[in-house]
Amino acid sequence: MRVQKKRSPFVVLGTIAVVVFVLVYIGVNLTTNVGKTQLQVNTEDAAKKLDKLYKNISVKFEEPVKGQIDLDPVDIGASLPDISKYPITEDNTTDSFAEIFSSIEKGGTGIDGWLTEAAADFNKAKIMVNGKQASVKLRNIASGTAADYIRSGKYVPDAFTPSNELWGEMVKDYGVKTQLISSRLVGNVPGVVMSKKKHDELLEKYKEINVKTLTDAIVNNELAMGYTDPFASSAGLNFLVTALNTFDSSDLLSKKAVEGFERFQANVPFIASTTIQMRDAAKSGMLDAFILEYQTFVNAADLKGGYVFVPFGVRHDSPLYALGNLPKEKIDIIKKFAEFVQGEKYQSLGTQKGFNGLNDYKPQLKLKDSSILPAAQKLWKEKKDGNKPTAAVFVADVSGSMDGERLNRLKESLLKGQKFLGRDNSIGFVSYSSSVSINLPIGKYDANQQSMFVGAINGLQAGGQTATFDAIIVALKMLQDELAANPNTKPVIFVLSDGETNEGNSLKEIKELIESYKVPIYTIGYNANIQALQDISSINEAASINADTDDVVYKIGNLLNVQM
């Protein structure tokens, strides 16, 4: 027979106390989150984690030092790299030739190599012009970048075939002599690509889908759509002027048009620096719709079946312009080349590569005055953030591996790039090596803040290890404090580094924190481990720039122009 031991009253009381404590602890934790959304709970958890990580980092507060600011306007020509940066996809084979700038959807290789292949055949055909064998040199360069070279005078080719007529009109408005040789080399159309589900949903409500109904849906917060930088992207510029046209077709810059654009822009969640960045955002489920050219759309396997293409704006028919005061010989070569590529053989080749679709589409926009284009870009720059200014923290790597040319280029790119920062925005500056320094707390970007920003950049010196993620934690903490004081602010981080991290926290340790705060982190790499930087930027669909020593200033200027 088992004898049951009698428990000590103290053991019983202790057991009861533990049970009560556990029940109270559970109750407190359960009731703490009563009435709170999951977002609120996650935000509070993220704040606790951020504070904990921040307290474990050695942070130095540097005394701001003022530097000499440059009040001269932005010099686009000075920031452009040597033209050799952009590849020649077909070189001239004779001394009698014309050089042509071609947009990238047709002047590249493979599916984007229609004009390259036609140019190669033209050169092999031994065509005679004015008694001499003629050839062409084709350079592959994005339309917006090509327009910057031409209008600045940095490099002017003999001819220019952008994606659409808007760039031709713009360079003409800047005083460059242009002669339209052909209004169409090959057919193409820009459009809004949207999920079929969202398309059918809006169609049921609005009865038809066009730019007017799409802008209405965006204003009514029924559609999350992204588009690309209208300073660099053909489709982006086209969409900007088309949207303005929907608000007031008689005057794209009228008070009515501007107010309509402000309402529209307030509900645009994403403006991409590149088409690739925008498509990555769409893949993540962030966007219902985005803009793209039809030739790219039909060749994109990942867009088959579940998406609808809605054309907009002027056609992208690759017009061809002769530029400057050319001798008759070059004009004749350009005309002969246009005639050659418009032949049946090369139009069939274009069709095979996705061009010449939607030939029945008629332009929805008729540009009355080319001077409206730079004015529309300026308006976009001023109004793109609506009443929600940006707060940015620039994070600069000053570890030993950045010493020399890398740090010099970093300084140069920031000093020149800061001219693109809007005055309504706020900025701060952090540098890091083994430890992290706050060189400049976040403040409104007035002349005083600009002077201290320049002073902080000038004072950078390299040495030590690389605590990249510690510096990102500090930048996140600065932005969260700024948001607490100014909730109506859009936070962003720019990291400038060679990509190597060998000290402090790792990406794995802070990735969830970055995801929770949804702060985009744009990375700029200097002869860098680009994959490491891309891994950081991809978390919240930001861009990563491989800024080699030739074009870093120009690339950063474009990036800041879009995001700031």
Protein backbone atom coordinates (compact mmCIF):
# COMPACT_ATOMS: atom_id res chain seq x y z
CA MET A 1 0.00 0.00 0.00
CA ARG A 2 1.37 3.37 -1.15
CA VAL A 3 1.67 5.98 1.55
CA GLN A 4 0.83 9.48 0.23
CA LYS A 5 3.22 12.07 1.51
CA LYS A 6 1.70 15.13 3.01
CA ARG A 7 2.88 18.31 1.26
CA SER A 8 4.31 21.15 3.24
CA PRO A 9 1.94 24.15 3.42
CA PHE A 10 4.83 26.30 2.18
CA VAL A 11 5.21 24.15 -0.96
CA VAL A 12 1.47 24.39 -1.60
CA LEU A 13 1.50 28.16 -1.15
CA GLY A 14 4.57 28.43 -3.42
CA THR A 15 2.88 26.39 -6.12
CA ILE A 16 -0.26 28.55 -5.90
CA ALA A 17 1.88 31.70 -6.12
CA VAL A 18 3.61 30.47 -9.26
CA VAL A 19 0.27 29.58 -10.87
CA VAL A 20 -1.17 32.96 -9.97
CA PHE A 21 1.92 34.73 -11.34
CA VAL A 22 1.71 32.84 -14.63
CA LEU A 23 -2.01 33.59 -14.96
CA VAL A 24 -1.45 37.27 -14.20
CA TYR A 25 1.48 37.42 -16.63
CA ILE A 26 -0.60 35.83 -19.39
CA GLY A 27 -3.53 38.07 -18.58
CA VAL A 28 -1.43 41.21 -18.68
CA ASN A 29 0.09 40.24 -22.02
CA LEU A 30 -3.30 39.39 -23.47
CA THR A 31 -5.01 42.55 -22.24
CA THR A 32 -2.08 44.74 -23.24
CA ASN A 33 -2.92 44.15 -26.92
CA VAL A 34 -6.72 44.30 -26.56
CA GLY A 35 -8.14 46.84 -28.97
CA LYS A 36 -4.89 47.17 -30.90
CA THR A 37 -4.45 46.26 -34.54
CA GLN A 38 -1.70 43.85 -35.59
CA LEU A 39 0.05 46.83 -37.19
CA GLN A 40 0.11 48.67 -33.86
CA VAL A 41 1.46 45.61 -32.08
CA ASN A 42 4.14 45.08 -34.74
CA THR A 43 5.12 48.75 -34.65
CA GLU A 44 5.52 48.67 -30.87
CA ASP A 45 7.61 45.49 -31.09
CA ALA A 46 9.77 47.10 -33.76
CA ALA A 47 10.24 50.22 -31.63
CA LYS A 48 11.36 48.12 -28.66
CA LYS A 49 13.82 46.19 -30.80
CA LEU A 50 15.15 49.39 -32.40
CA ASP A 51 15.72 51.00 -29.00
CA LYS A 52 17.49 47.88 -27.73
CA LEU A 53 19.78 47.67 -30.75
CA TYR A 54 20.48 51.40 -30.71
CA LYS A 55 21.55 51.36 -27.05
CA ASN A 56 24.17 48.73 -27.80
CA ILE A 57 25.84 50.82 -30.51
CA SER A 58 28.64 53.28 -29.86
CA VAL A 59 27.31 56.54 -31.31
CA LYS A 60 29.36 59.73 -31.50
CA PHE A 61 27.71 63.12 -31.90
CA GLU A 62 29.96 65.32 -34.01
CA GLU A 63 29.92 69.10 -33.75
CA PRO A 64 28.51 70.38 -37.10
CA VAL A 65 30.97 72.45 -39.12
CA LYS A 66 29.80 74.76 -41.88
CA GLY A 67 31.18 74.49 -45.39
CA GLN A 68 31.07 76.81 -48.41
CA ILE A 69 27.91 76.16 -50.44
CA ASP A 70 27.70 76.50 -54.21
CA LEU A 71 24.58 78.40 -55.29
CA ASP A 72 25.15 77.94 -59.03
CA PRO A 73 22.37 75.99 -60.80
CA VAL A 74 22.80 72.32 -61.67
CA ASP A 75 25.18 71.79 -64.61
CA ILE A 76 23.89 68.64 -66.30
CA GLY A 77 26.75 68.57 -68.79
CA ALA A 78 29.39 68.59 -66.04
CA SER A 79 27.83 65.58 -64.30
CA LEU A 80 27.54 63.44 -67.43
CA PRO A 81 30.26 60.80 -67.93
CA ASP A 82 32.31 60.50 -71.09
CA ILE A 83 30.11 59.29 -73.94
CA SER A 84 32.22 56.12 -74.20
CA LYS A 85 30.28 54.94 -71.14
CA TYR A 86 27.39 54.10 -73.50
CA PRO A 87 28.14 51.22 -75.88
CA ILE A 88 28.37 51.35 -79.64
CA THR A 89 26.27 48.38 -80.71
CA GLU A 90 27.08 48.78 -84.41
CA ASP A 91 30.19 50.65 -85.53
CA ASN A 92 30.61 52.49 -88.79
CA THR A 93 32.44 50.60 -91.55
CA THR A 94 33.26 53.56 -93.80
CA ASP A 95 34.54 57.12 -93.47
CA SER A 96 31.24 58.43 -94.85
CA PHE A 97 28.86 57.73 -91.95
CA ALA A 98 26.28 59.16 -89.52
CA GLU A 99 26.28 58.53 -85.79
CA ILE A 100 22.86 57.80 -84.27
CA PHE A 101 21.74 57.75 -80.64
CA SER A 102 19.16 54.98 -80.25
CA SER A 103 16.78 54.26 -77.35
CA ILE A 104 17.51 51.04 -75.49
CA GLU A 105 14.44 48.98 -76.44
CA LYS A 106 15.71 48.81 -80.03
CA GLY A 107 19.42 49.71 -79.99
CA GLY A 108 20.63 46.90 -77.71
CA THR A 109 20.94 43.17 -78.29
CA GLY A 110 18.63 40.17 -78.53
CA ILE A 111 14.97 41.02 -78.22
CA ASP A 112 15.98 44.69 -77.82
CA GLY A 113 18.32 44.64 -80.82
CA TRP A 114 16.00 45.38 -83.75
CA LEU A 115 17.76 48.56 -84.90
CA THR A 116 21.19 47.10 -84.13
CA GLU A 117 20.55 44.20 -86.49
CA ALA A 118 19.10 46.51 -89.16
CA ALA A 119 22.13 48.82 -88.86
CA ALA A 120 24.53 45.87 -89.25
CA ASP A 121 22.74 44.82 -92.44
CA PHE A 122 22.76 48.41 -93.70
CA ASN A 123 26.53 48.54 -93.27
CA LYS A 124 26.98 45.18 -95.03
CA ALA A 125 24.76 46.24 -97.94
CA LYS A 126 27.43 48.65 -99.27
CA ILE A 127 24.87 51.33 -100.03
CA MET A 128 26.19 54.29 -102.02
CA VAL A 129 25.21 57.85 -101.06
CA ASN A 130 26.51 60.74 -103.19
CA GLY A 131 29.06 58.46 -104.81
CA LYS A 132 30.45 57.11 -101.51
CA GLN A 133 29.78 53.90 -99.61
CA ALA A 134 27.76 54.85 -96.51
CA SER A 135 27.47 53.35 -93.05
CA VAL A 136 26.03 54.18 -89.63
CA LYS A 137 27.36 54.11 -86.07
CA LEU A 138 24.69 53.17 -83.52
CA ARG A 139 25.02 54.05 -79.85
CA ASN A 140 22.66 52.45 -77.30
CA ILE A 141 21.52 55.10 -74.79
CA ALA A 142 18.28 55.79 -72.90
CA SER A 143 16.20 58.59 -74.42
CA GLY A 144 16.28 60.86 -71.35
CA THR A 145 20.05 60.49 -70.96
CA ALA A 146 20.56 61.08 -74.68
CA ALA A 147 18.48 64.26 -74.44
CA ASP A 148 20.71 65.45 -71.56
CA TYR A 149 23.85 65.02 -73.69
CA ILE A 150 22.28 66.79 -76.65
CA ARG A 151 20.70 69.75 -74.86
CA SER A 152 23.78 70.35 -72.69
CA GLY A 153 26.09 70.21 -75.70
CA LYS A 154 28.26 67.61 -73.94
CA TYR A 155 27.98 65.33 -76.96
CA VAL A 156 25.73 65.80 -80.00
CA PRO A 157 25.44 62.94 -82.51
CA ASP A 158 24.35 63.37 -86.10
CA ALA A 159 20.94 61.82 -85.43
CA PHE A 160 18.67 60.81 -82.58
CA THR A 161 15.92 58.19 -82.46
CA PRO A 162 14.26 58.35 -79.03
CA SER A 163 11.28 56.22 -78.04
CA ASN A 164 8.81 59.04 -78.65
CA GLU A 165 8.47 62.53 -80.15
CA LEU A 166 8.46 64.24 -76.74
CA TRP A 167 12.26 64.07 -76.45
CA GLY A 168 12.71 65.46 -79.96
CA GLU A 169 10.42 68.35 -79.09
CA MET A 170 12.28 68.93 -75.83
CA VAL A 171 15.76 69.18 -77.34
CA LYS A 172 14.32 71.53 -79.97
CA ASP A 173 12.85 73.69 -77.22
CA TYR A 174 16.32 73.93 -75.64
CA GLY A 175 17.59 75.50 -78.85
CA VAL A 176 19.05 72.48 -80.64
CA LYS A 177 18.39 72.51 -84.39
CA THR A 178 16.35 69.42 -85.29
CA GLN A 179 15.08 68.07 -88.58
CA LEU A 180 12.44 65.33 -88.48
CA ILE A 181 13.58 62.67 -90.95
CA SER A 182 10.87 60.13 -90.12
CA SER A 183 8.00 60.18 -87.64
CA ARG A 184 8.12 56.37 -87.36
CA LEU A 185 10.87 53.79 -87.73
CA VAL A 186 8.96 51.02 -85.93
CA GLY A 187 5.65 50.97 -84.04
CA ASN A 188 5.26 50.86 -80.27
CA VAL A 189 2.83 52.09 -77.61
CA PRO A 190 3.19 52.88 -73.90
CA GLY A 191 0.56 51.61 -71.51
CA VAL A 192 -0.58 50.93 -67.99
CA VAL A 193 -0.13 47.26 -67.12
CA MET A 194 -2.62 46.19 -64.47
CA SER A 195 -3.76 42.98 -62.87
CA LYS A 196 -6.77 41.50 -64.64
CA LYS A 197 -8.64 41.34 -61.33
CA LYS A 198 -8.19 45.08 -60.68
CA HIS A 199 -8.95 45.89 -64.33
CA ASP A 200 -12.28 44.03 -64.21
CA GLU A 201 -13.14 45.62 -60.86
CA LEU A 202 -12.58 49.16 -62.20
CA LEU A 203 -14.28 48.38 -65.51
CA GLU A 204 -17.46 47.41 -63.68
CA LYS A 205 -17.48 50.76 -61.87
CA TYR A 206 -16.21 53.16 -64.57
CA LYS A 207 -17.56 51.29 -67.64
CA GLU A 208 -14.34 51.99 -69.58
CA ILE A 209 -10.65 52.06 -68.74
CA ASN A 210 -8.48 54.92 -69.98
CA VAL A 211 -6.10 57.44 -68.43
CA LYS A 212 -9.01 59.61 -67.24
CA THR A 213 -10.71 56.76 -65.38
CA LEU A 214 -7.35 55.54 -64.06
CA THR A 215 -6.45 58.96 -62.65
CA ASP A 216 -9.94 59.15 -61.12
CA ALA A 217 -9.44 55.73 -59.52
CA ILE A 218 -6.08 56.83 -58.13
CA VAL A 219 -7.54 60.08 -56.76
CA ASN A 220 -10.29 57.99 -55.11
CA ASN A 221 -7.63 55.67 -53.62
CA GLU A 222 -8.99 52.68 -55.56
CA LEU A 223 -5.80 51.90 -57.49
CA ALA A 224 -2.18 51.62 -56.34
CA MET A 225 -0.14 52.51 -59.40
CA GLY A 226 3.54 53.31 -59.96
CA TYR A 227 5.29 55.11 -62.77
CA THR A 228 8.86 56.00 -63.71
CA ASP A 229 10.96 59.17 -63.50
CA PRO A 230 9.72 61.66 -66.15
CA PHE A 231 13.20 63.21 -66.35
CA ALA A 232 14.71 59.94 -67.58
CA SER A 233 11.94 57.61 -68.74
CA SER A 234 10.04 57.98 -72.04
CA ALA A 235 6.95 56.31 -70.62
CA GLY A 236 7.27 58.36 -67.42
CA LEU A 237 7.39 61.69 -69.28
CA ASN A 238 4.53 60.58 -71.51
CA PHE A 239 2.41 59.58 -68.53
CA LEU A 240 3.08 62.86 -66.73
CA VAL A 241 1.85 65.08 -69.57
CA THR A 242 -1.04 62.69 -70.33
CA ALA A 243 -2.19 62.84 -66.70
CA LEU A 244 -1.98 66.65 -66.67
CA ASN A 245 -4.00 66.63 -69.90
CA THR A 246 -6.82 64.70 -68.23
CA PHE A 247 -7.24 67.48 -65.65
CA ASP A 248 -7.22 70.36 -68.17
CA SER A 249 -6.64 69.63 -71.86
CA SER A 250 -6.68 73.35 -72.75
CA ASP A 251 -3.77 74.22 -70.44
CA LEU A 252 -1.62 71.53 -68.87
CA LEU A 253 -0.20 73.99 -66.33
CA SER A 254 -3.42 75.73 -65.33
CA LYS A 255 -4.51 75.99 -61.71
CA LYS A 256 -7.14 73.33 -62.40
CA ALA A 257 -4.53 70.94 -63.87
CA VAL A 258 -2.08 71.51 -61.02
CA GLU A 259 -4.73 70.95 -58.34
CA GLY A 260 -5.87 67.77 -60.09
CA PHE A 261 -2.30 66.53 -60.32
CA GLU A 262 -1.74 67.21 -56.60
CA ARG A 263 -4.81 65.12 -55.69
CA PHE A 264 -3.65 62.37 -58.01
CA GLN A 265 -0.04 62.40 -56.84
CA ALA A 266 -1.04 62.26 -53.17
CA ASN A 267 -2.27 58.69 -53.78
CA VAL A 268 0.61 57.46 -55.94
CA PRO A 269 2.57 55.07 -53.67
CA PHE A 270 5.64 54.59 -55.81
CA ILE A 271 7.81 56.49 -58.28
CA ALA A 272 10.62 54.34 -59.62
CA SER A 273 14.03 55.40 -60.85
CA THR A 274 14.02 52.52 -63.34
CA THR A 275 11.56 50.16 -64.99
CA ILE A 276 13.30 47.20 -63.31
CA GLN A 277 12.76 48.73 -59.86
CA MET A 278 9.10 49.32 -60.66
CA ARG A 279 8.53 45.78 -61.91
CA ASP A 280 10.17 44.37 -58.77
CA ALA A 281 7.73 46.41 -56.69
CA ALA A 282 4.84 45.01 -58.73
CA LYS A 283 6.07 41.43 -58.20
CA SER A 284 6.06 42.03 -54.45
CA GLY A 285 2.33 42.80 -54.58
CA MET A 286 2.87 46.45 -53.68
CA LEU A 287 1.26 47.74 -56.91
CA ASP A 288 -1.98 47.05 -58.78
CA ALA A 289 -0.60 48.67 -61.93
CA PHE A 290 2.51 50.19 -63.49
CA ILE A 291 3.61 51.66 -66.83
CA LEU A 292 5.48 49.81 -69.56
CA GLU A 293 5.97 49.80 -73.33
CA TYR A 294 3.98 47.26 -75.32
CA GLN A 295 7.11 45.70 -76.89
CA THR A 296 8.44 44.92 -73.41
CA PHE A 297 5.02 43.73 -72.21
CA VAL A 298 4.56 41.12 -74.95
CA ASN A 299 8.07 39.75 -74.38
CA ALA A 300 7.71 39.46 -70.57
CA ALA A 301 6.91 35.86 -69.65
CA ASP A 302 5.98 36.83 -66.08
CA LEU A 303 3.21 39.14 -67.35
CA LYS A 304 1.41 36.54 -69.45
CA GLY A 305 -2.21 35.80 -68.60
CA GLY A 306 -2.82 37.74 -65.41
CA TYR A 307 -2.34 41.30 -66.70
CA VAL A 308 -4.11 43.73 -69.02
CA PHE A 309 -2.39 46.43 -71.12
CA VAL A 310 -4.15 49.83 -71.35
CA PRO A 311 -2.45 52.18 -73.88
CA PHE A 312 -2.04 55.90 -73.15
CA GLY A 313 -0.53 59.14 -74.42
CA VAL A 314 1.52 59.70 -77.58
CA ARG A 315 2.75 56.69 -79.51
CA HIS A 316 6.32 55.39 -79.07
CA ASP A 317 7.05 54.99 -82.78
CA SER A 318 10.78 55.80 -82.61
CA PRO A 319 10.94 59.00 -84.68
CA LEU A 320 14.30 59.88 -86.27
CA TYR A 321 15.80 63.39 -86.08
CA ALA A 322 18.89 64.89 -87.70
CA LEU A 323 20.64 67.26 -85.31
CA GLY A 324 22.57 70.49 -85.81
CA ASN A 325 23.92 72.00 -89.02
CA LEU A 326 24.86 68.80 -90.84
CA PRO A 327 26.37 68.65 -94.32
CA LYS A 328 24.08 67.33 -97.04
CA GLU A 329 26.07 64.08 -97.18
CA LYS A 330 25.15 63.15 -93.60
CA ILE A 331 21.50 64.17 -94.05
CA ASP A 332 21.31 61.92 -97.09
CA ILE A 333 22.84 58.99 -95.17
CA ILE A 334 20.30 59.42 -92.37
CA LYS A 335 17.43 59.55 -94.89
CA LYS A 336 18.73 56.46 -96.69
CA PHE A 337 19.00 54.59 -93.39
CA ALA A 338 15.40 55.48 -92.47
CA GLU A 339 14.23 54.23 -95.84
CA PHE A 340 16.22 51.01 -95.37
CA VAL A 341 14.79 50.07 -91.95
CA GLN A 342 11.24 50.92 -93.03
CA GLY A 343 11.42 48.21 -95.68
CA GLU A 344 9.27 45.08 -95.40
CA LYS A 345 12.14 42.84 -94.21
CA TYR A 346 12.97 44.99 -91.19
CA GLN A 347 9.38 45.78 -90.31
CA SER A 348 8.77 42.02 -90.19
CA LEU A 349 11.84 41.68 -87.98
CA GLY A 350 10.43 44.40 -85.73
CA THR A 351 7.14 42.52 -85.46
CA GLN A 352 9.02 39.36 -84.46
CA LYS A 353 10.68 41.32 -81.62
CA GLY A 354 7.35 42.66 -80.31
CA PHE A 355 7.08 45.94 -82.20
CA ASN A 356 4.27 47.05 -84.54
CA GLY A 357 1.53 45.83 -82.19
CA LEU A 358 -1.57 47.94 -81.48
CA ASN A 359 -1.18 49.78 -84.80
CA ASP A 360 -4.81 50.93 -84.55
CA TYR A 361 -4.13 52.91 -81.37
CA LYS A 362 -4.53 56.65 -81.96
CA PRO A 363 -2.63 59.11 -79.73
CA GLN A 364 -4.73 60.45 -76.86
CA LEU A 365 -2.48 63.48 -76.51
CA LYS A 366 -1.69 66.23 -79.00
CA LEU A 367 1.15 68.45 -77.82
CA LYS A 368 0.44 72.07 -78.73
CA ASP A 369 3.60 73.67 -77.38
CA SER A 370 6.92 71.90 -76.79
CA SER A 371 7.86 74.39 -74.04
CA ILE A 372 5.28 72.65 -71.87
CA LEU A 373 7.61 69.65 -71.41
CA PRO A 374 10.41 71.14 -69.26
CA ALA A 375 7.71 73.14 -67.42
CA ALA A 376 5.80 69.90 -66.71
CA GLN A 377 9.00 68.26 -65.40
CA LYS A 378 9.60 71.24 -63.10
CA LEU A 379 6.00 71.03 -61.85
CA TRP A 380 6.45 67.32 -61.15
CA LYS A 381 9.61 67.97 -59.15
CA GLU A 382 7.79 70.56 -57.02
CA LYS A 383 4.54 68.66 -56.54
CA LYS A 384 5.48 64.96 -56.65
CA ASP A 385 5.42 64.60 -52.85
CA GLY A 386 2.29 66.72 -52.41
CA ASN A 387 2.16 68.02 -48.86
CA LYS A 388 4.33 65.19 -47.56
CA PRO A 389 7.99 66.27 -47.52
CA THR A 390 10.81 63.77 -47.39
CA ALA A 391 13.13 63.24 -44.43
CA ALA A 392 16.34 61.55 -45.53
CA VAL A 393 19.42 60.33 -43.74
CA PHE A 394 22.58 59.93 -45.81
CA VAL A 395 24.82 57.15 -44.47
CA ALA A 396 28.45 57.28 -45.63
CA ASP A 397 30.99 54.47 -45.30
CA VAL A 398 34.36 55.87 -44.14
CA SER A 399 36.03 52.55 -43.28
CA GLY A 400 39.60 51.83 -44.32
CA SER A 401 38.51 50.07 -47.54
CA MET A 402 36.99 53.36 -48.75
CA ASP A 403 40.28 55.26 -48.49
CA GLY A 404 41.54 57.03 -51.58
CA GLU A 405 39.58 57.15 -54.85
CA ARG A 406 36.37 55.60 -53.45
CA LEU A 407 36.02 58.23 -50.71
CA ASN A 408 36.94 61.01 -53.10
CA ARG A 409 34.19 59.92 -55.49
CA LEU A 410 31.73 59.56 -52.63
CA LYS A 411 32.44 63.15 -51.57
CA GLU A 412 32.21 64.46 -55.12
CA SER A 413 28.93 62.69 -55.82
CA LEU A 414 27.32 63.99 -52.62
CA LEU A 415 28.58 67.55 -53.05
CA LYS A 416 27.25 67.71 -56.60
CA GLY A 417 24.18 65.56 -56.00
CA GLN A 418 22.95 67.69 -53.09
CA LYS A 419 21.94 70.37 -55.61
CA PHE A 420 19.01 68.14 -56.54
CA LEU A 421 17.58 68.16 -53.00
CA GLY A 422 14.28 70.02 -52.65
CA ARG A 423 14.17 72.82 -50.09
CA ASP A 424 10.96 71.52 -48.52
CA ASN A 425 12.72 68.34 -47.44
CA SER A 426 14.79 67.55 -44.33
CA ILE A 427 18.13 65.75 -44.24
CA GLY A 428 20.60 64.29 -41.77
CA PHE A 429 24.04 62.79 -42.18
CA VAL A 430 25.72 59.75 -40.60
CA SER A 431 29.20 58.34 -41.21
CA TYR A 432 30.57 55.03 -39.99
CA SER A 433 33.58 52.78 -39.74
CA SER A 434 34.04 50.64 -36.59
CA SER A 435 31.66 53.02 -34.78
CA VAL A 436 28.91 55.36 -35.96
CA SER A 437 28.97 59.17 -35.98
CA ILE A 438 25.97 61.47 -36.31
CA ASN A 439 27.62 64.27 -38.28
CA LEU A 440 24.40 66.22 -38.81
CA PRO A 441 21.03 65.75 -37.05
CA ILE A 442 17.95 65.86 -39.28
CA GLY A 443 16.90 69.40 -40.13
CA LYS A 444 15.07 71.39 -42.83
CA TYR A 445 17.25 71.73 -45.91
CA ASP A 446 17.69 75.48 -45.83
CA ALA A 447 20.94 77.33 -46.55
CA ASN A 448 22.18 76.75 -43.00
CA GLN A 449 21.55 72.98 -43.11
CA GLN A 450 23.05 72.80 -46.60
CA SER A 451 26.20 74.53 -45.34
CA MET A 452 26.56 72.06 -42.46
CA PHE A 453 25.87 69.12 -44.83
CA VAL A 454 28.70 70.31 -47.09
CA GLY A 455 30.95 70.78 -44.05
CA ALA A 456 30.24 67.23 -42.86
CA ILE A 457 31.07 65.80 -46.29
CA ASN A 458 34.30 67.76 -46.58
CA GLY A 459 35.44 66.53 -43.15
CA LEU A 460 35.15 62.81 -43.91
CA GLN A 461 38.28 60.70 -43.38
CA ALA A 462 38.66 56.94 -43.89
CA GLY A 463 39.91 54.32 -41.42
CA GLY A 464 38.73 51.37 -39.34
CA GLN A 465 36.32 48.47 -39.85
CA THR A 466 32.87 48.52 -41.46
CA ALA A 467 29.71 48.53 -39.30
CA THR A 468 27.16 49.12 -42.06
CA PHE A 469 24.12 47.74 -40.26
CA ASP A 470 24.90 49.59 -37.05
CA ALA A 471 24.82 52.79 -39.09
CA ILE A 472 21.47 51.81 -40.65
CA ILE A 473 20.05 51.24 -37.15
CA VAL A 474 21.18 54.73 -36.15
CA ALA A 475 19.61 56.22 -39.29
CA LEU A 476 16.34 54.36 -38.58
CA LYS A 477 16.34 55.69 -35.01
CA MET A 478 16.90 59.27 -36.26
CA LEU A 479 14.01 58.92 -38.72
CA GLN A 480 11.62 57.43 -36.14
CA ASP A 481 12.37 60.35 -33.81
CA GLU A 482 11.74 62.74 -36.72
CA LEU A 483 8.44 61.02 -37.55
CA ALA A 484 7.34 61.31 -33.94
CA ALA A 485 7.79 65.08 -34.20
CA ASN A 486 6.58 65.40 -37.82
CA PRO A 487 4.24 62.50 -38.69
CA ASN A 488 3.43 63.85 -42.16
CA THR A 489 6.88 62.95 -43.48
CA LYS A 490 8.19 60.34 -45.94
CA PRO A 491 11.34 58.66 -44.53
CA VAL A 492 14.19 57.43 -46.72
CA ILE A 493 17.80 56.29 -46.25
CA PHE A 494 20.70 56.54 -48.71
CA VAL A 495 23.68 54.27 -47.99
CA LEU A 496 26.95 55.01 -49.81
CA SER A 497 29.46 52.19 -49.40
CA ASP A 498 31.72 49.59 -51.00
CA GLY A 499 29.34 46.94 -49.67
CA GLU A 500 31.64 45.12 -47.28
CA THR A 501 30.51 44.63 -43.63
CA ASN A 502 32.81 43.14 -41.00
CA GLU A 503 31.72 44.69 -37.71
CA GLY A 504 28.58 45.01 -35.58
CA ASN A 505 25.12 43.78 -36.50
CA SER A 506 24.38 41.73 -39.62
CA LEU A 507 21.64 42.05 -42.21
CA LYS A 508 20.01 38.88 -40.84
CA GLU A 509 19.73 40.49 -37.39
CA ILE A 510 17.98 43.66 -38.60
CA LYS A 511 16.14 42.56 -41.77
CA GLU A 512 12.79 42.13 -39.99
CA LEU A 513 13.23 45.56 -38.43
CA ILE A 514 13.76 47.18 -41.83
CA GLU A 515 10.71 45.31 -43.16
CA SER A 516 8.59 46.48 -40.21
CA TYR A 517 9.38 50.15 -40.72
CA LYS A 518 9.06 49.94 -44.53
CA VAL A 519 11.71 52.63 -44.95
CA PRO A 520 13.26 52.36 -48.44
CA ILE A 521 17.05 52.11 -48.32
CA TYR A 522 18.73 53.22 -51.54
CA THR A 523 22.30 51.99 -51.88
CA ILE A 524 25.13 53.43 -53.95
CA GLY A 525 28.16 51.20 -54.40
CA TYR A 526 31.70 52.41 -55.05
CA ASN A 527 33.65 49.58 -56.75
CA ALA A 528 31.51 47.55 -54.43
CA ASN A 529 30.13 44.19 -53.44
CA ILE A 530 26.97 45.07 -55.33
CA GLN A 531 25.04 41.97 -54.30
CA ALA A 532 25.41 42.88 -50.62
CA LEU A 533 24.00 46.34 -51.32
CA GLN A 534 21.20 44.98 -53.53
CA ASP A 535 20.17 42.67 -50.69
CA ILE A 536 19.65 45.74 -48.48
CA SER A 537 17.74 47.75 -51.09
CA SER A 538 15.50 44.88 -52.17
CA ILE A 539 13.90 44.59 -48.73
CA ASN A 540 11.61 47.59 -49.37
CA GLU A 541 11.81 47.83 -53.18
CA ALA A 542 14.44 50.57 -53.35
CA ALA A 543 17.07 50.92 -56.09
CA SER A 544 20.72 49.94 -55.87
CA ILE A 545 23.19 51.82 -58.03
CA ASN A 546 26.48 50.41 -59.21
CA ALA A 547 28.21 53.79 -59.30
CA ASP A 548 31.55 53.30 -60.97
CA THR A 549 33.94 56.22 -61.24
CA ASP A 550 32.58 57.39 -64.62
CA ASP A 551 28.94 58.05 -63.97
CA VAL A 552 28.37 58.11 -60.22
CA VAL A 553 27.62 61.85 -60.12
CA TYR A 554 25.04 61.64 -62.89
CA LYS A 555 23.37 58.54 -61.44
CA ILE A 556 23.10 60.00 -57.96
CA GLY A 557 21.75 63.25 -59.37
CA ASN A 558 18.98 61.29 -61.12
CA LEU A 559 18.23 59.26 -58.00
CA LEU A 560 17.98 62.31 -55.74
CA ASN A 561 15.92 64.13 -58.35
CA VAL A 562 13.31 61.38 -58.15
CA GLN A 563 13.37 60.65 -54.41
CA MET A 564 14.01 64.11 -52.97
